[in-house]
Amino acid sequence: AEKYYGRALNVYKSTLGPGHINVSKTLHNMGVIYCNNNDLDVAMRCLEKSLNIRQAELGQNDESVADTLCWIGRILRERGAYQDALSKLRTAHDIKVTLLGDDHLEVAESLQN
C-alpha cells in the first residue's frame, strides 16, 4: 500500500500542487499506515504535513483536521509525551463536539482516545 500511496502522492503534488487537499488526504493515509506499522517517525512527518495543509485549506475546525490531530495525539502518547498528546486529543475532541454535537457517535469514540 505504501508504494501506491507514494505514487499517488507524487502525481497529486505534480498535477495539483503540494498544498492541495488530495495531497493532504494521501499524507494522512500514509501516516496511518506508518503508525500501524510502528514507524512513528515517518508517520508523524506525514501527519504533520497533512495537518498543515488541512488547516490552511479547510480551517482549524474541520472534521478531517480533528482526525489528523487524533492520530498525532496517539503517536505522542506512544512516545510518552502525555501532555502534548492530551492537548492534541482534547483539541480533536472539541472540534468534533463543535461540529457534531455532544451525542454523536464519533464524539463518543473520541473520548476513548
C-alpha atoms as a PDB file:
ATOM      1  CA  ALA A   1       0.000   0.000   0.000  1.00  0.00           C
ATOM      2  CA  GLU A   2       2.861   2.383   0.805  1.00  0.00           C
ATOM      3  CA  LYS A   3       4.159   2.095  -2.753  1.00  0.00           C
ATOM      4  CA  TYR A   4       0.794   3.058  -4.243  1.00  0.00           C
ATOM      5  CA  TYR A   5       0.244   5.922  -1.836  1.00  0.00           C
ATOM      6  CA  GLY A   6       3.736   7.172  -2.685  1.00  0.00           C
ATOM      7  CA  ARG A   7       2.888   7.123  -6.371  1.00  0.00           C
ATOM      8  CA  ALA A   8      -0.434   8.876  -5.788  1.00  0.00           C
ATOM      9  CA  LEU A   9       1.303  11.488  -3.654  1.00  0.00           C
ATOM     10  CA  ASN A  10       3.784  12.270  -6.416  1.00  0.00           C
ATOM     11  CA  VAL A  11       1.024  12.558  -9.018  1.00  0.00           C
ATOM     12  CA  TYR A  12      -1.104  14.814  -6.815  1.00  0.00           C
ATOM     13  CA  LYS A  13       1.843  17.051  -5.959  1.00  0.00           C
ATOM     14  CA  SER A  14       2.928  17.425  -9.572  1.00  0.00           C
ATOM     15  CA  THR A  15      -0.535  17.946 -11.057  1.00  0.00           C
ATOM     16  CA  LEU A  16      -2.461  19.681  -8.259  1.00  0.00           C
ATOM     17  CA  GLY A  17       0.312  21.298  -6.244  1.00  0.00           C
ATOM     18  CA  PRO A  18       1.826  20.451  -2.861  1.00  0.00           C
ATOM     19  CA  GLY A  19      -0.876  22.265  -0.878  1.00  0.00           C
ATOM     20  CA  HIS A  20      -3.884  20.540  -2.433  1.00  0.00           C
ATOM     21  CA  ILE A  21      -6.332  18.710  -0.186  1.00  0.00           C
ATOM     22  CA  ASN A  22      -5.744  15.442  -2.088  1.00  0.00           C
ATOM     23  CA  VAL A  23      -2.075  15.674  -1.107  1.00  0.00           C
ATOM     24  CA  SER A  24      -3.208  16.065   2.492  1.00  0.00           C
ATOM     25  CA  LYS A  25      -5.545  13.071   2.311  1.00  0.00           C
ATOM     26  CA  THR A  26      -2.785  10.906   0.889  1.00  0.00           C
ATOM     27  CA  LEU A  27      -0.289  12.065   3.507  1.00  0.00           C
ATOM     28  CA  HIS A  28      -2.837  11.360   6.242  1.00  0.00           C
ATOM     29  CA  ASN A  29      -3.469   7.844   4.921  1.00  0.00           C
ATOM     30  CA  MET A  30       0.252   7.194   4.653  1.00  0.00           C
ATOM     31  CA  GLY A  31       0.696   8.414   8.226  1.00  0.00           C
ATOM     32  CA  VAL A  32      -1.938   5.965   9.442  1.00  0.00           C
ATOM     33  CA  ILE A  33      -0.237   3.096   7.631  1.00  0.00           C
ATOM     34  CA  TYR A  34       3.162   4.011   9.049  1.00  0.00           C
ATOM     35  CA  CYS A  35       1.653   4.378  12.511  1.00  0.00           C
ATOM     36  CA  ASN A  36       0.029   0.962  12.283  1.00  0.00           C
ATOM     37  CA  ASN A  37       3.414  -0.452  11.202  1.00  0.00           C
ATOM     38  CA  ASN A  38       5.002   1.246  14.242  1.00  0.00           C
ATOM     39  CA  ASP A  39       7.169   3.530  12.091  1.00  0.00           C
ATOM     40  CA  LEU A  40       6.250   6.502  14.245  1.00  0.00           C
ATOM     41  CA  ASP A  41       8.830   8.986  12.976  1.00  0.00           C
ATOM     42  CA  VAL A  42       7.697   8.668   9.371  1.00  0.00           C
ATOM     43  CA  ALA A  43       4.056   8.592  10.470  1.00  0.00           C
ATOM     44  CA  MET A  44       4.485  11.823  12.412  1.00  0.00           C
ATOM     45  CA  ARG A  45       6.125  13.585   9.457  1.00  0.00           C
ATOM     46  CA  CYS A  46       3.287  12.563   7.148  1.00  0.00           C
ATOM     47  CA  LEU A  47       0.588  13.529   9.624  1.00  0.00           C
ATOM     48  CA  GLU A  48       2.131  16.907  10.447  1.00  0.00           C
ATOM     49  CA  LYS A  49       2.369  17.761   6.749  1.00  0.00           C
ATOM     50  CA  SER A  50      -1.226  16.651   6.285  1.00  0.00           C
ATOM     51  CA  LEU A  51      -2.349  18.735   9.250  1.00  0.00           C
ATOM     52  CA  ASN A  52      -0.639  21.859   7.926  1.00  0.00           C
ATOM     53  CA  ILE A  53      -2.385  21.514   4.566  1.00  0.00           C
ATOM     54  CA  ARG A  54      -5.766  20.713   6.105  1.00  0.00           C
ATOM     55  CA  GLN A  55      -5.629  23.687   8.447  1.00  0.00           C
ATOM     56  CA  ALA A  56      -4.589  26.001   5.623  1.00  0.00           C
ATOM     57  CA  GLU A  57      -7.210  24.724   3.191  1.00  0.00           C
ATOM     58  CA  LEU A  58     -10.108  23.831   5.491  1.00  0.00           C
ATOM     59  CA  GLY A  59      -9.573  25.928   8.603  1.00  0.00           C
ATOM     60  CA  GLN A  60      -8.991  24.965  12.209  1.00  0.00           C
ATOM     61  CA  ASN A  61     -12.449  23.488  12.844  1.00  0.00           C
ATOM     62  CA  ASP A  62     -12.831  20.778  10.253  1.00  0.00           C
ATOM     63  CA  GLU A  63     -13.512  17.125  10.972  1.00  0.00           C
ATOM     64  CA  SER A  64     -10.515  15.977   8.942  1.00  0.00           C
ATOM     65  CA  VAL A  65      -8.292  18.317  10.989  1.00  0.00           C
ATOM     66  CA  ALA A  66      -9.655  16.607  14.111  1.00  0.00           C
ATOM     67  CA  ASP A  67      -8.913  13.167  12.650  1.00  0.00           C
ATOM     68  CA  THR A  68      -5.309  14.079  11.929  1.00  0.00           C
ATOM     69  CA  LEU A  69      -4.883  15.675  15.365  1.00  0.00           C
ATOM     70  CA  CYS A  70      -6.159  12.460  16.910  1.00  0.00           C
ATOM     71  CA  TRP A  71      -3.553  10.349  15.108  1.00  0.00           C
ATOM     72  CA  ILE A  72      -0.812  12.791  16.083  1.00  0.00           C
ATOM     73  CA  GLY A  73      -2.035  12.553  19.683  1.00  0.00           C
ATOM     74  CA  ARG A  74      -1.825   8.761  19.557  1.00  0.00           C
ATOM     75  CA  ILE A  75       1.780   8.912  18.389  1.00  0.00           C
ATOM     76  CA  LEU A  76       2.696  11.439  21.065  1.00  0.00           C
ATOM     77  CA  ARG A  77       1.075   9.210  23.696  1.00  0.00           C
ATOM     78  CA  GLU A  78       3.012   6.213  22.387  1.00  0.00           C
ATOM     79  CA  ARG A  79       6.230   8.229  22.705  1.00  0.00           C
ATOM     80  CA  GLY A  80       5.396   9.168  26.283  1.00  0.00           C
ATOM     81  CA  ALA A  81       4.706  12.843  25.537  1.00  0.00           C
ATOM     82  CA  TYR A  82       1.495  12.707  27.527  1.00  0.00           C
ATOM     83  CA  GLN A  83       0.834  16.439  27.942  1.00  0.00           C
ATOM     84  CA  ASP A  84       1.300  17.120  24.226  1.00  0.00           C
ATOM     85  CA  ALA A  85      -0.806  14.079  23.395  1.00  0.00           C
ATOM     86  CA  LEU A  86      -3.582  15.219  25.709  1.00  0.00           C
ATOM     87  CA  SER A  87      -3.559  18.678  24.156  1.00  0.00           C
ATOM     88  CA  LYS A  88      -3.930  17.290  20.608  1.00  0.00           C
ATOM     89  CA  LEU A  89      -6.601  14.810  21.658  1.00  0.00           C
ATOM     90  CA  ARG A  90      -8.592  17.478  23.518  1.00  0.00           C
ATOM     91  CA  THR A  91      -8.442  19.795  20.535  1.00  0.00           C
ATOM     92  CA  ALA A  92      -9.648  16.982  18.266  1.00  0.00           C
ATOM     93  CA  HIS A  93     -12.474  16.190  20.679  1.00  0.00           C
ATOM     94  CA  ASP A  94     -13.502  19.846  20.942  1.00  0.00           C
ATOM     95  CA  ILE A  95     -13.645  20.167  17.148  1.00  0.00           C
ATOM     96  CA  LYS A  96     -15.866  17.091  16.903  1.00  0.00           C
ATOM     97  CA  VAL A  97     -18.194  18.353  19.649  1.00  0.00           C
ATOM     98  CA  THR A  98     -18.490  21.712  17.888  1.00  0.00           C
ATOM     99  CA  LEU A  99     -19.260  20.128  14.528  1.00  0.00           C
ATOM    100  CA  LEU A 100     -21.275  17.069  15.524  1.00  0.00           C
ATOM    101  CA  GLY A 101     -22.741  17.745  18.959  1.00  0.00           C
ATOM    102  CA  ASP A 102     -22.255  16.001  22.296  1.00  0.00           C
ATOM    103  CA  ASP A 103     -24.353  12.942  21.456  1.00  0.00           C
ATOM    104  CA  HIS A 104     -22.715  11.921  18.188  1.00  0.00           C
ATOM    105  CA  LEU A 105     -21.049   8.513  17.908  1.00  0.00           C
ATOM    106  CA  GLU A 106     -17.752   9.992  16.675  1.00  0.00           C
ATOM    107  CA  VAL A 107     -17.659  12.285  19.712  1.00  0.00           C
ATOM    108  CA  ALA A 108     -18.080   9.265  21.964  1.00  0.00           C
ATOM    109  CA  GLU A 109     -15.281   7.482  20.100  1.00  0.00           C
ATOM    110  CA  SER A 110     -13.006  10.489  20.523  1.00  0.00           C
ATOM    111  CA  LEU A 111     -13.443  10.202  24.293  1.00  0.00           C
ATOM    112  CA  GLN A 112     -11.801   6.777  24.185  1.00  0.00           C
ATOM    113  CA  ASN A 113      -8.535   8.197  22.884  1.00  0.00           C
END
